[in-house]
Amino acid sequence: MVQAGGLRPNDALAFLEEDEIAPTYLGRRWQLARSQVQRVVMEAALDDPEYFAGKVVVEVGCGPLGFPDACPSRISIGIDPLAGRYAEHGLLLPDSPAVYLTASAESIPLLSASAGVVLARNTLDYVDDPGRAVDEFRRILRPDGRLILLFDVGHMPSPAQPNALTVEGVRSALQGLTVIREHSWEEPFGHDGHRVVLVAELPQIATPA
């Protein structure tokens, strides 16, 4: 659809201060990337439109296009087991400031307490071990950092999305973090169920008086 001159999702322009679809394929891809950032801001109800500025932001399960490329952060990192193959096939945006690492959600090659924001959008549905993935998200998150999780609940497991997630199960995996927002939408990422967002913060370590 993007190569043919459209945008997918087709509501991408609603998140941008733009009225027309870009005339070139590369232009449309950047529109989708920028709209993805604004979509996450809306979904997570971030109170500051400049929330990502100055932070190290990591998206786990990023895919070949979107949030990492346009995220206005100090450092933007995309983690995906297929990142190397995306690069080989020319699927990553040229001149993107993002850094892409080939790795699984259960074994992220980043230092502990190194990320100010960790985003996992439609990721837990696909991983081999959701609990271990959440442990890794927590490990790389710095104190006072924020974890943004979006996932489907109430859907039938499939080869592509093998995990039957529940809000209660994901919440229980977030031990040590404080959930500051929970919201759901009727439409799922997949074919059934519905979409949920949980936003959680890692408490700042108190210093001795």
C-alpha atoms as a PDB file:
ATOM      1  CA  MET A   1       0.000   0.000   0.000  1.00  0.00           C
ATOM      2  CA  VAL A   2       2.817   2.443   0.855  1.00  0.00           C
ATOM      3  CA  GLN A   3       4.643   1.648  -2.373  1.00  0.00           C
ATOM      4  CA  ALA A   4       1.387   2.162  -4.277  1.00  0.00           C
ATOM      5  CA  GLY A   5       0.989   5.687  -2.910  1.00  0.00           C
ATOM      6  CA  GLY A   6      -1.043   5.238   0.274  1.00  0.00           C
ATOM      7  CA  LEU A   7      -0.380   4.999   4.007  1.00  0.00           C
ATOM      8  CA  ARG A   8      -0.929   2.085   6.343  1.00  0.00           C
ATOM      9  CA  PRO A   9      -2.362   2.552   8.907  1.00  0.00           C
ATOM     10  CA  ASN A  10      -4.476   4.884   6.839  1.00  0.00           C
ATOM     11  CA  ASP A  11      -5.091   7.262   9.757  1.00  0.00           C
ATOM     12  CA  ALA A  12      -1.409   8.270   9.888  1.00  0.00           C
ATOM     13  CA  LEU A  13      -2.042  11.827   8.686  1.00  0.00           C
ATOM     14  CA  ALA A  14      -4.385  12.389  11.637  1.00  0.00           C
ATOM     15  CA  PHE A  15      -1.318  12.320  13.899  1.00  0.00           C
ATOM     16  CA  LEU A  16       0.649  14.817  11.810  1.00  0.00           C
ATOM     17  CA  GLU A  17       0.241  18.488  11.004  1.00  0.00           C
ATOM     18  CA  GLU A  18       0.111  17.512   7.349  1.00  0.00           C
ATOM     19  CA  ASP A  19      -2.839  17.363   4.967  1.00  0.00           C
ATOM     20  CA  GLU A  20      -1.401  15.429   2.062  1.00  0.00           C
ATOM     21  CA  ILE A  21       0.299  12.099   1.564  1.00  0.00           C
ATOM     22  CA  ALA A  22       3.910  12.532   0.465  1.00  0.00           C
ATOM     23  CA  PRO A  23       4.432  11.969  -3.278  1.00  0.00           C
ATOM     24  CA  THR A  24       7.468   9.700  -2.838  1.00  0.00           C
ATOM     25  CA  TYR A  25       7.836   6.288  -1.224  1.00  0.00           C
ATOM     26  CA  LEU A  26      10.586   7.551   1.077  1.00  0.00           C
ATOM     27  CA  GLY A  27       8.475  10.537   2.063  1.00  0.00           C
ATOM     28  CA  ARG A  28       5.542   8.284   2.942  1.00  0.00           C
ATOM     29  CA  ARG A  29       7.753   6.053   5.035  1.00  0.00           C
ATOM     30  CA  TRP A  30       8.931   9.054   7.045  1.00  0.00           C
ATOM     31  CA  GLN A  31       5.316  10.163   7.473  1.00  0.00           C
ATOM     32  CA  LEU A  32       4.518   6.757   8.942  1.00  0.00           C
ATOM     33  CA  ALA A  33       7.542   6.948  11.230  1.00  0.00           C
ATOM     34  CA  ARG A  34       6.613  10.391  12.548  1.00  0.00           C
ATOM     35  CA  SER A  35       2.973   9.406  12.989  1.00  0.00           C
ATOM     36  CA  GLN A  36       4.045   6.364  14.994  1.00  0.00           C
ATOM     37  CA  VAL A  37       5.749   8.598  17.558  1.00  0.00           C
ATOM     38  CA  GLN A  38       2.619  10.707  17.964  1.00  0.00           C
ATOM     39  CA  ARG A  39       0.493   7.564  18.166  1.00  0.00           C
ATOM     40  CA  VAL A  40       2.574   6.305  21.093  1.00  0.00           C
ATOM     41  CA  VAL A  41       2.320   9.720  22.796  1.00  0.00           C
ATOM     42  CA  MET A  42      -1.471   9.440  22.519  1.00  0.00           C
ATOM     43  CA  GLU A  43      -1.695   5.794  23.570  1.00  0.00           C
ATOM     44  CA  ALA A  44       0.524   6.297  26.617  1.00  0.00           C
ATOM     45  CA  ALA A  45      -1.143   9.642  27.462  1.00  0.00           C
ATOM     46  CA  LEU A  46       2.239  11.289  27.887  1.00  0.00           C
ATOM     47  CA  ASP A  47       1.679  14.652  29.515  1.00  0.00           C
ATOM     48  CA  ASP A  48       4.608  16.303  27.744  1.00  0.00           C
ATOM     49  CA  PRO A  49       4.877  16.257  23.921  1.00  0.00           C
ATOM     50  CA  GLU A  50       8.650  16.585  24.378  1.00  0.00           C
ATOM     51  CA  TYR A  51       8.788  13.686  26.825  1.00  0.00           C
ATOM     52  CA  PHE A  52      11.355  11.701  24.814  1.00  0.00           C
ATOM     53  CA  ALA A  53      13.797  14.597  24.408  1.00  0.00           C
ATOM     54  CA  GLY A  54      17.152  14.024  26.099  1.00  0.00           C
ATOM     55  CA  LYS A  55      16.398  10.396  26.941  1.00  0.00           C
ATOM     56  CA  VAL A  56      17.676   7.012  25.816  1.00  0.00           C
ATOM     57  CA  VAL A  57      14.608   5.368  24.296  1.00  0.00           C
ATOM     58  CA  VAL A  58      14.460   1.673  23.390  1.00  0.00           C
ATOM     59  CA  GLU A  59      11.725   0.020  21.346  1.00  0.00           C
ATOM     60  CA  VAL A  60      11.724  -3.762  21.625  1.00  0.00           C
ATOM     61  CA  GLY A  61      10.196  -5.600  18.676  1.00  0.00           C
ATOM     62  CA  CYS A  62      10.402  -2.493  16.536  1.00  0.00           C
ATOM     63  CA  GLY A  63       9.997  -3.956  13.042  1.00  0.00           C
ATOM     64  CA  PRO A  64      11.597  -2.302  10.008  1.00  0.00           C
ATOM     65  CA  LEU A  65       9.946   1.102  10.190  1.00  0.00           C
ATOM     66  CA  GLY A  66       8.458   3.498  12.654  1.00  0.00           C
ATOM     67  CA  PHE A  67       9.053   4.771  16.117  1.00  0.00           C
ATOM     68  CA  PRO A  68      12.880   4.522  16.504  1.00  0.00           C
ATOM     69  CA  ASP A  69      13.565   6.450  13.298  1.00  0.00           C
ATOM     70  CA  ALA A  70      11.517   9.514  14.191  1.00  0.00           C
ATOM     71  CA  CYS A  71      11.695   9.458  17.995  1.00  0.00           C
ATOM     72  CA  PRO A  72      13.072  12.860  19.089  1.00  0.00           C
ATOM     73  CA  SER A  73      15.273  11.346  21.805  1.00  0.00           C
ATOM     74  CA  ARG A  74      18.956  11.722  22.622  1.00  0.00           C
ATOM     75  CA  ILE A  75      19.530   8.100  21.602  1.00  0.00           C
ATOM     76  CA  SER A  76      16.933   5.913  19.875  1.00  0.00           C
ATOM     77  CA  ILE A  77      17.463   2.148  19.781  1.00  0.00           C
ATOM     78  CA  GLY A  78      15.424  -0.507  18.008  1.00  0.00           C
ATOM     79  CA  ILE A  79      15.691  -4.117  19.184  1.00  0.00           C
ATOM     80  CA  ASP A  80      14.453  -6.852  16.856  1.00  0.00           C
ATOM     81  CA  PRO A  81      15.605 -10.417  16.116  1.00  0.00           C
ATOM     82  CA  LEU A  82      15.233  -9.632  12.404  1.00  0.00           C
ATOM     83  CA  ALA A  83      17.015  -6.253  12.424  1.00  0.00           C
ATOM     84  CA  GLY A  84      19.995  -7.601  10.494  1.00  0.00           C
ATOM     85  CA  ARG A  85      17.764  -9.037   7.796  1.00  0.00           C
ATOM     86  CA  TYR A  86      15.850  -5.755   7.528  1.00  0.00           C
ATOM     87  CA  ALA A  87      19.161  -4.026   6.845  1.00  0.00           C
ATOM     88  CA  GLU A  88      20.251  -6.654   4.299  1.00  0.00           C
ATOM     89  CA  HIS A  89      17.040  -6.191   2.321  1.00  0.00           C
ATOM     90  CA  GLY A  90      17.058  -2.387   2.417  1.00  0.00           C
ATOM     91  CA  LEU A  91      14.014  -2.145   4.667  1.00  0.00           C
ATOM     92  CA  LEU A  92      15.483   0.323   7.150  1.00  0.00           C
ATOM     93  CA  LEU A  93      15.151   4.030   6.507  1.00  0.00           C
ATOM     94  CA  PRO A  94      18.282   5.680   5.131  1.00  0.00           C
ATOM     95  CA  ASP A  95      19.806   8.504   7.164  1.00  0.00           C
ATOM     96  CA  SER A  96      17.875   7.427  10.256  1.00  0.00           C
ATOM     97  CA  PRO A  97      19.477   8.451  13.564  1.00  0.00           C
ATOM     98  CA  ALA A  98      18.228   5.231  15.174  1.00  0.00           C
ATOM     99  CA  VAL A  99      20.525   2.366  16.143  1.00  0.00           C
ATOM    100  CA  TYR A 100      19.188  -1.115  15.355  1.00  0.00           C
ATOM    101  CA  LEU A 101      20.377  -4.200  17.238  1.00  0.00           C
ATOM    102  CA  THR A 102      19.645  -7.799  16.294  1.00  0.00           C
ATOM    103  CA  ALA A 103      18.468  -9.437  19.503  1.00  0.00           C
ATOM    104  CA  SER A 104      15.473 -11.048  21.171  1.00  0.00           C
ATOM    105  CA  ALA A 105      13.303  -9.431  23.818  1.00  0.00           C
ATOM    106  CA  GLU A 106      14.498 -12.056  26.300  1.00  0.00           C
ATOM    107  CA  SER A 107      18.186 -11.150  25.868  1.00  0.00           C
ATOM    108  CA  ILE A 108      18.716  -7.443  25.233  1.00  0.00           C
ATOM    109  CA  PRO A 109      22.381  -6.458  24.686  1.00  0.00           C
ATOM    110  CA  LEU A 110      22.223  -3.245  26.703  1.00  0.00           C
ATOM    111  CA  LEU A 111      23.601  -2.309  30.104  1.00  0.00           C
ATOM    112  CA  SER A 112      21.326  -2.444  33.118  1.00  0.00           C
ATOM    113  CA  ALA A 113      19.665   0.853  34.052  1.00  0.00           C
ATOM    114  CA  SER A 114      20.608   2.388  30.691  1.00  0.00           C
ATOM    115  CA  ALA A 115      17.205   3.351  29.206  1.00  0.00           C
ATOM    116  CA  GLY A 116      14.912   6.187  30.183  1.00  0.00           C
ATOM    117  CA  VAL A 117      11.987   4.721  28.204  1.00  0.00           C
ATOM    118  CA  VAL A 118      11.307   1.165  27.063  1.00  0.00           C
ATOM    119  CA  LEU A 119       8.501   0.645  24.550  1.00  0.00           C
ATOM    120  CA  ALA A 120       7.104  -2.768  23.634  1.00  0.00           C
ATOM    121  CA  ARG A 121       4.209  -2.289  21.229  1.00  0.00           C
ATOM    122  CA  ASN A 122       2.572  -5.531  20.082  1.00  0.00           C
ATOM    123  CA  THR A 123       5.672  -7.421  21.243  1.00  0.00           C
ATOM    124  CA  LEU A 124       4.679  -9.621  24.195  1.00  0.00           C
ATOM    125  CA  ASP A 125       2.156 -11.371  21.950  1.00  0.00           C
ATOM    126  CA  TYR A 126       5.013 -12.802  19.857  1.00  0.00           C
ATOM    127  CA  VAL A 127       7.928 -13.530  22.210  1.00  0.00           C
ATOM    128  CA  ASP A 128       8.873 -17.004  23.426  1.00  0.00           C
ATOM    129  CA  ASP A 129       8.792 -16.047  27.116  1.00  0.00           C
ATOM    130  CA  PRO A 130       6.774 -12.922  28.050  1.00  0.00           C
ATOM    131  CA  GLY A 131       7.845 -13.049  31.700  1.00  0.00           C
ATOM    132  CA  ARG A 132      11.522 -13.164  30.843  1.00  0.00           C
ATOM    133  CA  ALA A 133      11.041 -10.345  28.326  1.00  0.00           C
ATOM    134  CA  VAL A 134       9.464  -8.140  30.997  1.00  0.00           C
ATOM    135  CA  ASP A 135      12.384  -8.966  33.307  1.00  0.00           C
ATOM    136  CA  GLU A 136      14.733  -7.649  30.605  1.00  0.00           C
ATOM    137  CA  PHE A 137      12.632  -4.500  30.151  1.00  0.00           C
ATOM    138  CA  ARG A 138      12.879  -3.878  33.890  1.00  0.00           C
ATOM    139  CA  ARG A 139      16.622  -4.597  33.943  1.00  0.00           C
ATOM    140  CA  ILE A 140      17.533  -2.035  31.278  1.00  0.00           C
ATOM    141  CA  LEU A 141      15.168   0.629  32.652  1.00  0.00           C
ATOM    142  CA  ARG A 142      16.814   3.284  34.786  1.00  0.00           C
ATOM    143  CA  PRO A 143      15.272   4.467  38.064  1.00  0.00           C
ATOM    144  CA  ASP A 144      12.443   6.913  37.348  1.00  0.00           C
ATOM    145  CA  GLY A 145      12.229   5.461  33.827  1.00  0.00           C
ATOM    146  CA  ARG A 146       8.998   4.522  32.110  1.00  0.00           C
ATOM    147  CA  LEU A 147       7.879   1.260  30.525  1.00  0.00           C
ATOM    148  CA  ILE A 148       5.133   1.426  27.876  1.00  0.00           C
ATOM    149  CA  LEU A 149       3.506  -1.914  27.043  1.00  0.00           C
ATOM    150  CA  LEU A 150       0.810  -2.447  24.409  1.00  0.00           C
ATOM    151  CA  PHE A 151      -0.574  -5.922  23.800  1.00  0.00           C
ATOM    152  CA  ASP A 152      -3.695  -7.882  22.841  1.00  0.00           C
ATOM    153  CA  VAL A 153      -5.837  -9.725  25.366  1.00  0.00           C
ATOM    154  CA  GLY A 154      -8.758 -12.054  24.796  1.00  0.00           C
ATOM    155  CA  HIS A 155      -7.492 -13.437  21.491  1.00  0.00           C
ATOM    156  CA  MET A 156      -7.049 -17.022  20.388  1.00  0.00           C
ATOM    157  CA  PRO A 157      -3.376 -18.048  20.298  1.00  0.00           C
ATOM    158  CA  SER A 158      -1.963 -18.643  16.825  1.00  0.00           C
ATOM    159  CA  PRO A 159       1.436 -19.627  15.394  1.00  0.00           C
ATOM    160  CA  ALA A 160       2.171 -15.916  14.863  1.00  0.00           C
ATOM    161  CA  GLN A 161       0.819 -14.763  18.246  1.00  0.00           C
ATOM    162  CA  PRO A 162       1.247 -17.762  20.557  1.00  0.00           C
ATOM    163  CA  ASN A 163       0.715 -16.017  23.880  1.00  0.00           C
ATOM    164  CA  ALA A 164      -2.729 -15.707  25.471  1.00  0.00           C
ATOM    165  CA  LEU A 165      -2.014 -12.629  27.584  1.00  0.00           C
ATOM    166  CA  THR A 166      -4.173 -11.196  30.349  1.00  0.00           C
ATOM    167  CA  VAL A 167      -3.959  -7.807  32.033  1.00  0.00           C
ATOM    168  CA  GLU A 168      -3.632  -9.516  35.404  1.00  0.00           C
ATOM    169  CA  GLY A 169      -0.800 -11.718  34.181  1.00  0.00           C
ATOM    170  CA  VAL A 170       1.162  -8.827  32.695  1.00  0.00           C
ATOM    171  CA  ARG A 171       0.583  -6.707  35.785  1.00  0.00           C
ATOM    172  CA  SER A 172       1.909  -9.502  38.004  1.00  0.00           C
ATOM    173  CA  ALA A 173       5.087  -9.581  35.892  1.00  0.00           C
ATOM    174  CA  LEU A 174       5.669  -5.886  36.608  1.00  0.00           C
ATOM    175  CA  GLN A 175       6.832  -6.411  40.178  1.00  0.00           C
ATOM    176  CA  GLY A 176       8.962  -3.502  41.304  1.00  0.00           C
ATOM    177  CA  LEU A 177       7.271  -1.080  38.903  1.00  0.00           C
ATOM    178  CA  THR A 178       4.298   1.165  39.553  1.00  0.00           C
ATOM    179  CA  VAL A 179       1.510   1.122  36.959  1.00  0.00           C
ATOM    180  CA  ILE A 180       0.458   4.719  36.351  1.00  0.00           C
ATOM    181  CA  ARG A 181      -1.929   4.151  33.448  1.00  0.00           C
ATOM    182  CA  GLU A 182      -4.111   1.400  32.053  1.00  0.00           C
ATOM    183  CA  HIS A 183      -6.369   1.835  29.053  1.00  0.00           C
ATOM    184  CA  SER A 184      -7.963  -0.403  26.446  1.00  0.00           C
ATOM    185  CA  TRP A 185      -9.335  -0.093  22.931  1.00  0.00           C
ATOM    186  CA  GLU A 186     -11.853  -2.296  21.177  1.00  0.00           C
ATOM    187  CA  GLU A 187      -9.654  -2.841  18.137  1.00  0.00           C
ATOM    188  CA  PRO A 188      -6.834  -5.401  18.505  1.00  0.00           C
ATOM    189  CA  PHE A 189      -3.432  -5.538  16.863  1.00  0.00           C
ATOM    190  CA  GLY A 190      -4.398  -8.948  15.486  1.00  0.00           C
ATOM    191  CA  HIS A 191      -7.696 -10.426  14.405  1.00  0.00           C
ATOM    192  CA  ASP A 192      -9.587 -10.766  17.689  1.00  0.00           C
ATOM    193  CA  GLY A 193      -9.583  -9.655  21.297  1.00  0.00           C
ATOM    194  CA  HIS A 194      -8.753  -6.060  22.173  1.00  0.00           C
ATOM    195  CA  ARG A 195      -5.738  -3.846  22.743  1.00  0.00           C
ATOM    196  CA  VAL A 196      -4.456  -2.742  26.161  1.00  0.00           C
ATOM    197  CA  VAL A 197      -1.802  -0.260  27.229  1.00  0.00           C
ATOM    198  CA  LEU A 198      -0.026  -0.383  30.574  1.00  0.00           C
ATOM    199  CA  VAL A 199       2.382   2.414  31.460  1.00  0.00           C
ATOM    200  CA  ALA A 200       4.607   1.744  34.454  1.00  0.00           C
ATOM    201  CA  GLU A 201       7.428   3.591  36.190  1.00  0.00           C
ATOM    202  CA  LEU A 202      10.460   2.237  38.005  1.00  0.00           C
ATOM    203  CA  PRO A 203      10.666   4.103  41.330  1.00  0.00           C
ATOM    204  CA  GLN A 204      13.671   6.295  41.868  1.00  0.00           C
ATOM    205  CA  ILE A 205      16.139   4.929  44.384  1.00  0.00           C
ATOM    206  CA  ALA A 206      16.024   6.954  47.558  1.00  0.00           C
ATOM    207  CA  THR A 207      19.392   8.261  48.719  1.00  0.00           C
ATOM    208  CA  PRO A 208      20.295   8.044  52.414  1.00  0.00           C
ATOM    209  CA  ALA A 209      19.825  11.264  54.346  1.00  0.00           C
END
